[in-house]
Amino acid sequence: MKKRDFLYHLLFWSGIYLLWVLLFRSYTIALTRTMTVEFCYLLFITADYYAISYVVVPKLLLRKKYALFVACTVAVIAVSAWLRAILAFQMNLHYFTPARVYDLSTLFVNSIINISLWVLAVTTAKMLIDRMRTQRQLETMEKEKIQNELDYLKAQINPHALFNSLNAIYGHIDKGNQAARDILLQFSELLRYQIYDCSAEKVNLENEIAHLQNYIAFHRLRKDEKLSVRFDIGSIQAGLKIAPLLLVVLIENAFKFVSSFDEKENRIAISLFTRENTLHCSFFNTKDIQEPCTASGSNGIGIINLKRRLELLYPEKYTLTSNAGKEYYETNLILDLS
């Protein structure tokens, strides 16, 4: 339980306790009896509330097992009422001298009625308070959603001008400078995909792989000829969808931290294939010997964000492992897309 929720529950039950004391002690607080009989009574009510709300309701009521829910609720209240009756009987017998002494069966009946009514009242009050809190949270979220949508729409004004500028730049590049024209075209395609095709929660895996191919081709143009880049695409099952721009983080790290040896091979090797709705990916790059393992992306912001996205989008459906050697760095991702 979070600290904020703990304080909220503490304040709630403190208020219930004060209400209990004022109602049943003639608006006065007699410390000895208040801290014993009334407090113990409230402990049973509190225990019943949490047992019903956090155990019985999720396991039975929410699963539509109504008969079992009623039976378990009655059993929980009956057990706590019996325990409370025994406790009250012993306290009245040995510690207090009440005006009227009740037998155990009478105390049990009174306890089961009172506990039932108070559990119902407390549950109703808690539901109303939670509903008001939820409503406030929904209103806040709705305002944030509207603001985010306005920011998104505002941001859409810029890409059109940006693409027009790229077209203008492309037209001014000398036709003999084919390398520069190719780089600009690749960059334009990358930008177009990220702006227009990634607005959905998931995209076709084939489209994402095509984007990765453009991304790799773009970086190949920027790197020198000493870098060997291999992108192997195995069998890809049709119809699979994936959250956009997940894999590009690992490819970006491979290019960012690839080695720059003069006399040895600088290499990036990427492979993708699917098997039974599961995507298997491998990202390998050579790295400089003096490059620490953490610099290879294992603790970088890109990897941290990637792990967070995977946790949110694919909980318990992915495996991300890293292996760092003296001159290489490798990351493997297995992702269930079913």
Protein backbone atom coordinates (compact mmCIF):
# COMPACT_ATOMS: atom_id res chain seq x y z
CA MET A 1 0.00 0.00 0.00
CA LYS A 2 1.35 3.40 -0.96
CA LYS A 3 2.02 6.01 1.74
CA ARG A 4 -0.75 8.24 0.42
CA ASP A 5 -3.29 5.39 0.47
CA PHE A 6 -2.14 4.38 3.96
CA LEU A 7 -2.76 7.90 5.29
CA TYR A 8 -6.12 7.96 3.55
CA HIS A 9 -7.20 4.69 5.22
CA LEU A 10 -5.82 5.86 8.58
CA LEU A 11 -7.83 9.09 8.45
CA PHE A 12 -10.95 7.24 7.33
CA TRP A 13 -10.86 4.74 10.20
CA SER A 14 -9.94 7.43 12.73
CA GLY A 15 -13.07 9.28 11.69
CA ILE A 16 -15.16 6.11 12.02
CA TYR A 17 -13.70 5.48 15.48
CA LEU A 18 -14.49 8.99 16.71
CA LEU A 19 -18.02 8.69 15.32
CA TRP A 20 -18.39 5.33 17.09
CA VAL A 21 -17.26 6.78 20.44
CA LEU A 22 -19.52 9.82 20.24
CA LEU A 23 -22.56 7.78 19.28
CA PHE A 24 -22.22 5.12 21.95
CA ARG A 25 -20.62 7.02 24.84
CA SER A 26 -23.15 9.87 25.15
CA TYR A 27 -20.81 12.36 23.45
CA THR A 28 -18.07 11.78 26.02
CA ILE A 29 -14.90 9.77 25.82
CA ALA A 30 -14.28 7.50 28.80
CA LEU A 31 -10.75 6.40 28.11
CA THR A 32 -10.71 2.98 29.83
CA ARG A 33 -13.88 1.53 28.31
CA THR A 34 -13.42 3.36 25.03
CA MET A 35 -9.97 1.87 24.55
CA THR A 36 -11.24 -1.63 25.34
CA VAL A 37 -14.84 -2.58 24.51
CA GLU A 38 -15.58 -0.03 21.78
CA PHE A 39 -12.12 -0.24 20.28
CA CYS A 40 -12.19 -4.04 20.18
CA TYR A 41 -15.65 -3.90 18.62
CA LEU A 42 -14.32 -1.62 15.92
CA LEU A 43 -11.35 -3.93 15.31
CA PHE A 44 -13.71 -6.74 14.37
CA ILE A 45 -15.64 -4.45 12.05
CA THR A 46 -12.41 -3.26 10.43
CA ALA A 47 -11.14 -6.81 9.98
CA ASP A 48 -14.46 -7.89 8.42
CA TYR A 49 -14.43 -4.92 6.06
CA TYR A 50 -10.96 -5.68 4.69
CA ALA A 51 -11.59 -9.44 4.54
CA ILE A 52 -14.80 -8.93 2.53
CA SER A 53 -13.57 -6.03 0.37
CA TYR A 54 -10.11 -7.34 -0.49
CA VAL A 55 -10.59 -11.13 -0.40
CA VAL A 56 -14.21 -12.21 -0.74
CA VAL A 57 -15.27 -9.61 -3.31
CA PRO A 58 -12.34 -10.07 -5.77
CA LYS A 59 -12.31 -13.87 -5.53
CA LEU A 60 -16.06 -14.51 -5.55
CA LEU A 61 -18.29 -11.52 -6.33
CA LEU A 62 -16.24 -10.22 -9.26
CA ARG A 63 -16.12 -13.77 -10.64
CA LYS A 64 -19.93 -13.96 -10.40
CA LYS A 65 -19.95 -16.69 -7.75
CA TYR A 66 -22.85 -15.06 -5.95
CA ALA A 67 -23.92 -17.97 -3.72
CA LEU A 68 -20.39 -18.49 -2.44
CA PHE A 69 -19.99 -14.75 -1.95
CA VAL A 70 -23.08 -14.56 0.28
CA ALA A 71 -22.05 -17.69 2.21
CA CYS A 72 -18.49 -16.46 2.80
CA THR A 73 -19.66 -12.98 3.81
CA VAL A 74 -22.07 -14.44 6.36
CA ALA A 75 -19.36 -16.80 7.62
CA VAL A 76 -16.83 -13.98 8.06
CA ILE A 77 -19.30 -11.85 10.02
CA ALA A 78 -20.51 -14.83 12.10
CA VAL A 79 -16.97 -15.80 13.11
CA SER A 80 -16.02 -12.24 14.07
CA ALA A 81 -19.34 -11.82 15.96
CA TRP A 82 -18.68 -15.01 17.92
CA LEU A 83 -15.16 -13.93 18.80
CA ARG A 84 -16.40 -10.50 19.79
CA ALA A 85 -19.14 -12.02 21.96
CA ILE A 86 -16.61 -14.19 23.81
CA LEU A 87 -14.30 -11.20 24.30
CA ALA A 88 -17.12 -8.93 25.52
CA PHE A 89 -18.42 -11.62 27.88
CA GLN A 90 -14.99 -12.11 29.44
CA MET A 91 -14.35 -8.36 29.74
CA ASN A 92 -17.73 -7.74 31.37
CA LEU A 93 -17.17 -10.68 33.68
CA HIS A 94 -13.65 -9.85 34.84
CA TYR A 95 -12.98 -6.13 34.18
CA PHE A 96 -16.26 -4.20 34.06
CA THR A 97 -19.46 -4.30 36.07
CA PRO A 98 -22.19 -3.36 33.59
CA ALA A 99 -25.71 -2.58 34.82
CA ARG A 100 -27.01 -5.61 32.98
CA VAL A 101 -25.04 -8.77 32.29
CA TYR A 102 -25.87 -10.48 28.98
CA ASP A 103 -25.35 -14.17 28.38
CA LEU A 104 -23.09 -15.37 25.57
CA SER A 105 -25.86 -16.15 23.10
CA THR A 106 -27.41 -12.69 23.51
CA LEU A 107 -24.03 -11.05 23.03
CA PHE A 108 -23.52 -13.14 19.88
CA VAL A 109 -26.88 -12.09 18.39
CA ASN A 110 -26.26 -8.43 19.26
CA SER A 111 -22.74 -8.64 17.82
CA ILE A 112 -23.79 -10.22 14.54
CA ILE A 113 -26.52 -7.60 14.05
CA ASN A 114 -24.30 -4.66 14.97
CA ILE A 115 -21.29 -5.87 12.99
CA SER A 116 -23.45 -6.52 9.92
CA LEU A 117 -25.01 -3.05 10.07
CA TRP A 118 -21.69 -1.33 10.67
CA VAL A 119 -19.86 -3.26 7.95
CA LEU A 120 -22.65 -2.29 5.55
CA ALA A 121 -22.53 1.35 6.68
CA VAL A 122 -18.72 1.55 6.53
CA THR A 123 -18.64 -0.15 3.12
CA THR A 124 -21.26 2.26 1.78
CA ALA A 125 -19.41 5.27 3.16
CA LYS A 126 -16.11 4.00 1.77
CA MET A 127 -17.67 3.40 -1.66
CA LEU A 128 -19.09 6.94 -1.73
CA ILE A 129 -15.76 8.46 -0.74
CA ASP A 130 -13.88 6.32 -3.28
CA ARG A 131 -16.40 7.28 -5.95
CA MET A 132 -15.83 10.97 -5.28
CA ARG A 133 -12.03 10.45 -5.39
CA THR A 134 -12.32 8.49 -8.63
CA GLN A 135 -14.54 11.17 -10.13
CA ARG A 136 -11.99 13.85 -9.29
CA GLN A 137 -9.22 11.73 -10.79
CA LEU A 138 -11.25 11.15 -13.96
CA GLU A 139 -11.89 14.87 -14.29
CA THR A 140 -8.18 15.57 -13.88
CA MET A 141 -7.31 12.88 -16.43
CA GLU A 142 -9.89 14.26 -18.86
CA LYS A 143 -8.38 17.73 -18.58
CA GLU A 144 -4.90 16.30 -19.15
CA LYS A 145 -6.18 14.30 -22.13
CA ILE A 146 -7.71 17.41 -23.69
CA GLN A 147 -4.50 19.35 -23.10
CA ASN A 148 -2.40 16.56 -24.60
CA GLU A 149 -4.70 16.41 -27.62
CA LEU A 150 -4.39 20.17 -28.09
CA ASP A 151 -0.61 19.91 -27.82
CA TYR A 152 -0.61 17.07 -30.34
CA LEU A 153 -2.78 18.99 -32.80
CA LYS A 154 -0.60 22.04 -32.34
CA ALA A 155 2.47 19.93 -33.06
CA GLN A 156 0.95 18.69 -36.31
CA ILE A 157 1.32 22.15 -37.81
CA ASN A 158 5.10 21.88 -37.87
CA PRO A 159 5.60 18.56 -39.79
CA HIS A 160 3.89 19.87 -42.94
CA ALA A 161 6.19 22.86 -43.01
CA LEU A 162 9.14 20.57 -42.27
CA PHE A 163 8.35 18.26 -45.21
CA ASN A 164 7.96 21.26 -47.50
CA SER A 165 11.36 22.48 -46.34
CA LEU A 166 12.90 19.06 -46.98
CA ASN A 167 11.47 19.04 -50.50
CA ALA A 168 12.87 22.50 -51.09
CA ILE A 169 16.31 21.39 -49.82
CA TYR A 170 16.17 18.30 -52.01
CA GLY A 171 15.45 20.44 -55.06
CA HIS A 172 18.46 22.66 -54.36
CA ILE A 173 20.93 19.80 -53.97
CA ASP A 174 23.00 19.34 -57.09
CA LYS A 175 21.92 16.27 -59.04
CA GLY A 176 25.51 15.16 -59.18
CA ASN A 177 25.58 14.86 -55.39
CA GLN A 178 23.55 11.68 -55.30
CA ALA A 179 24.73 10.65 -51.81
CA ALA A 180 23.30 13.82 -50.23
CA ARG A 181 20.02 13.40 -52.12
CA ASP A 182 19.74 9.76 -50.96
CA ILE A 183 20.40 10.71 -47.33
CA LEU A 184 17.70 13.38 -47.46
CA LEU A 185 15.20 10.97 -49.02
CA GLN A 186 15.92 8.34 -46.36
CA PHE A 187 15.55 10.90 -43.61
CA SER A 188 12.27 12.10 -45.10
CA GLU A 189 10.88 8.54 -45.13
CA LEU A 190 11.94 7.96 -41.53
CA LEU A 191 10.30 11.17 -40.44
CA ARG A 192 7.12 10.43 -42.37
CA TYR A 193 6.74 7.02 -40.71
CA GLN A 194 7.30 8.36 -37.20
CA ILE A 195 4.85 11.24 -37.64
CA TYR A 196 2.03 9.70 -39.64
CA ASP A 197 2.21 5.91 -39.30
CA CYS A 198 2.99 5.62 -35.58
CA SER A 199 -0.12 7.34 -34.22
CA ALA A 200 -1.83 3.97 -33.64
CA GLU A 201 -1.09 1.85 -30.57
CA LYS A 202 0.13 -1.00 -32.79
CA VAL A 203 1.29 -1.23 -36.39
CA ASN A 204 1.79 -4.13 -38.76
CA LEU A 205 5.05 -5.92 -38.05
CA GLU A 206 5.89 -5.83 -41.77
CA ASN A 207 5.62 -2.01 -41.77
CA GLU A 208 7.80 -1.77 -38.69
CA ILE A 209 10.46 -3.98 -40.30
CA ALA A 210 10.34 -1.82 -43.46
CA HIS A 211 10.96 1.20 -41.24
CA LEU A 212 13.92 -0.58 -39.66
CA GLN A 213 15.33 -1.28 -43.12
CA ASN A 214 15.06 2.42 -43.99
CA TYR A 215 16.64 3.34 -40.66
CA ILE A 216 19.58 0.99 -41.26
CA ALA A 217 19.98 2.23 -44.83
CA PHE A 218 20.03 5.82 -43.57
CA HIS A 219 22.79 5.06 -41.05
CA ARG A 220 24.75 3.10 -43.63
CA LEU A 221 24.92 6.26 -45.73
CA ARG A 222 26.25 8.20 -42.75
CA LYS A 223 28.90 5.64 -41.73
CA ASP A 224 32.19 4.98 -43.51
CA GLU A 225 32.99 1.91 -45.58
CA LYS A 226 34.87 0.21 -42.73
CA LEU A 227 31.57 -0.71 -41.08
CA SER A 228 29.94 -4.00 -42.05
CA VAL A 229 26.19 -4.06 -41.48
CA ARG A 230 24.12 -7.21 -41.88
CA PHE A 231 20.34 -7.30 -41.47
CA ASP A 232 18.86 -10.79 -41.74
CA ILE A 233 15.08 -11.13 -41.89
CA GLY A 234 13.86 -14.69 -41.46
CA SER A 235 10.34 -16.04 -41.70
CA ILE A 236 7.84 -13.34 -40.68
CA GLN A 237 4.30 -14.43 -39.86
CA ALA A 238 1.66 -12.33 -41.60
CA GLY A 239 -0.89 -10.36 -39.61
CA LEU A 240 1.18 -9.75 -36.49
CA LYS A 241 1.12 -6.29 -34.93
CA ILE A 242 3.65 -4.57 -32.68
CA ALA A 243 3.93 -1.32 -30.74
CA PRO A 244 5.77 1.14 -33.03
CA LEU A 245 9.39 2.19 -32.57
CA LEU A 246 10.34 -0.47 -30.03
CA LEU A 247 13.12 -2.18 -31.96
CA VAL A 248 14.63 0.97 -33.40
CA VAL A 249 16.07 1.79 -29.95
CA LEU A 250 18.28 -1.30 -30.05
CA ILE A 251 19.38 -0.58 -33.61
CA GLU A 252 20.20 2.99 -32.68
CA ASN A 253 22.39 1.75 -29.81
CA ALA A 254 24.18 -0.65 -32.14
CA PHE A 255 25.13 2.19 -34.51
CA LYS A 256 25.88 4.61 -31.69
CA PHE A 257 28.30 2.32 -29.85
CA VAL A 258 29.78 0.31 -32.72
CA SER A 259 33.57 0.12 -32.71
CA SER A 260 35.87 2.24 -34.86
CA PHE A 261 38.85 -0.09 -35.30
CA ASP A 262 41.40 0.75 -38.00
CA GLU A 263 42.83 -2.72 -38.48
CA LYS A 264 39.92 -4.94 -37.38
CA GLU A 265 36.40 -5.39 -38.61
CA ASN A 266 33.69 -3.12 -37.30
CA ARG A 267 30.47 -5.06 -37.50
CA ILE A 268 26.75 -4.81 -36.79
CA ALA A 269 24.58 -7.90 -37.16
CA ILE A 270 20.80 -7.79 -36.73
CA SER A 271 18.42 -10.69 -37.19
CA LEU A 272 14.63 -10.96 -36.91
CA PHE A 273 12.20 -13.85 -37.31
CA THR A 274 8.87 -15.00 -35.91
CA ARG A 275 7.77 -18.37 -34.63
CA GLU A 276 4.29 -19.16 -33.26
CA ASN A 277 3.26 -15.49 -32.82
CA THR A 278 6.57 -14.75 -31.07
CA LEU A 279 9.16 -12.32 -32.40
CA HIS A 280 12.82 -13.24 -31.93
CA CYS A 281 15.39 -10.45 -32.34
CA SER A 282 19.16 -10.29 -32.00
CA PHE A 283 21.28 -7.11 -32.08
CA PHE A 284 25.06 -7.44 -32.16
CA ASN A 285 27.80 -4.86 -32.54
CA THR A 286 31.53 -4.79 -32.00
CA LYS A 287 32.68 -2.13 -29.56
CA ASP A 288 35.90 -0.44 -28.60
CA ILE A 289 37.85 -2.33 -25.96
CA GLN A 290 37.98 0.68 -23.66
CA GLU A 291 34.24 1.25 -23.97
CA PRO A 292 32.61 0.31 -20.63
CA CYS A 293 29.66 -2.06 -20.70
CA THR A 294 27.28 0.56 -19.36
CA ALA A 295 28.11 2.85 -22.26
CA SER A 296 26.90 0.22 -24.66
CA GLY A 297 23.38 1.08 -23.76
CA SER A 298 22.61 -1.28 -20.90
CA ASN A 299 21.98 1.63 -18.56
CA GLY A 300 21.26 4.30 -21.15
CA ILE A 301 18.03 6.30 -21.20
CA GLY A 302 16.97 4.59 -24.43
CA ILE A 303 17.16 1.11 -22.88
CA ILE A 304 15.45 2.31 -19.70
CA ASN A 305 12.57 3.75 -21.73
CA LEU A 306 12.41 0.58 -23.83
CA LYS A 307 12.15 -1.62 -20.73
CA ARG A 308 9.44 0.62 -19.31
CA ARG A 309 7.44 0.46 -22.55
CA LEU A 310 7.77 -3.31 -22.63
CA GLU A 311 6.59 -3.56 -19.02
CA LEU A 312 3.54 -1.43 -19.78
CA LEU A 313 2.65 -2.83 -23.21
CA TYR A 314 3.74 -6.47 -22.87
CA PRO A 315 3.74 -7.41 -19.17
CA GLU A 316 5.17 -10.90 -18.66
CA LYS A 317 5.25 -11.41 -22.44
CA TYR A 318 8.83 -10.45 -23.21
CA THR A 319 12.41 -11.43 -22.41
CA LEU A 320 15.19 -8.87 -22.84
CA THR A 321 18.75 -10.05 -22.22
CA SER A 322 22.14 -8.43 -22.77
CA ASN A 323 25.61 -9.92 -23.09
CA ALA A 324 28.71 -7.75 -23.10
CA GLY A 325 32.13 -9.09 -24.04
CA LYS A 326 35.48 -7.41 -24.27
CA GLU A 327 34.96 -6.35 -27.88
CA TYR A 328 31.26 -6.87 -28.53
CA TYR A 329 27.83 -6.14 -27.19
CA GLU A 330 24.73 -8.24 -27.88
CA THR A 331 21.07 -7.82 -26.95
CA ASN A 332 18.34 -10.38 -27.52
CA LEU A 333 14.62 -9.74 -27.35
CA ILE A 334 11.86 -12.35 -27.40
CA LEU A 335 8.40 -10.79 -27.62
CA ASP A 336 5.05 -12.54 -27.63
CA LEU A 337 2.80 -10.69 -30.12
CA SER A 338 -0.27 -12.87 -29.76
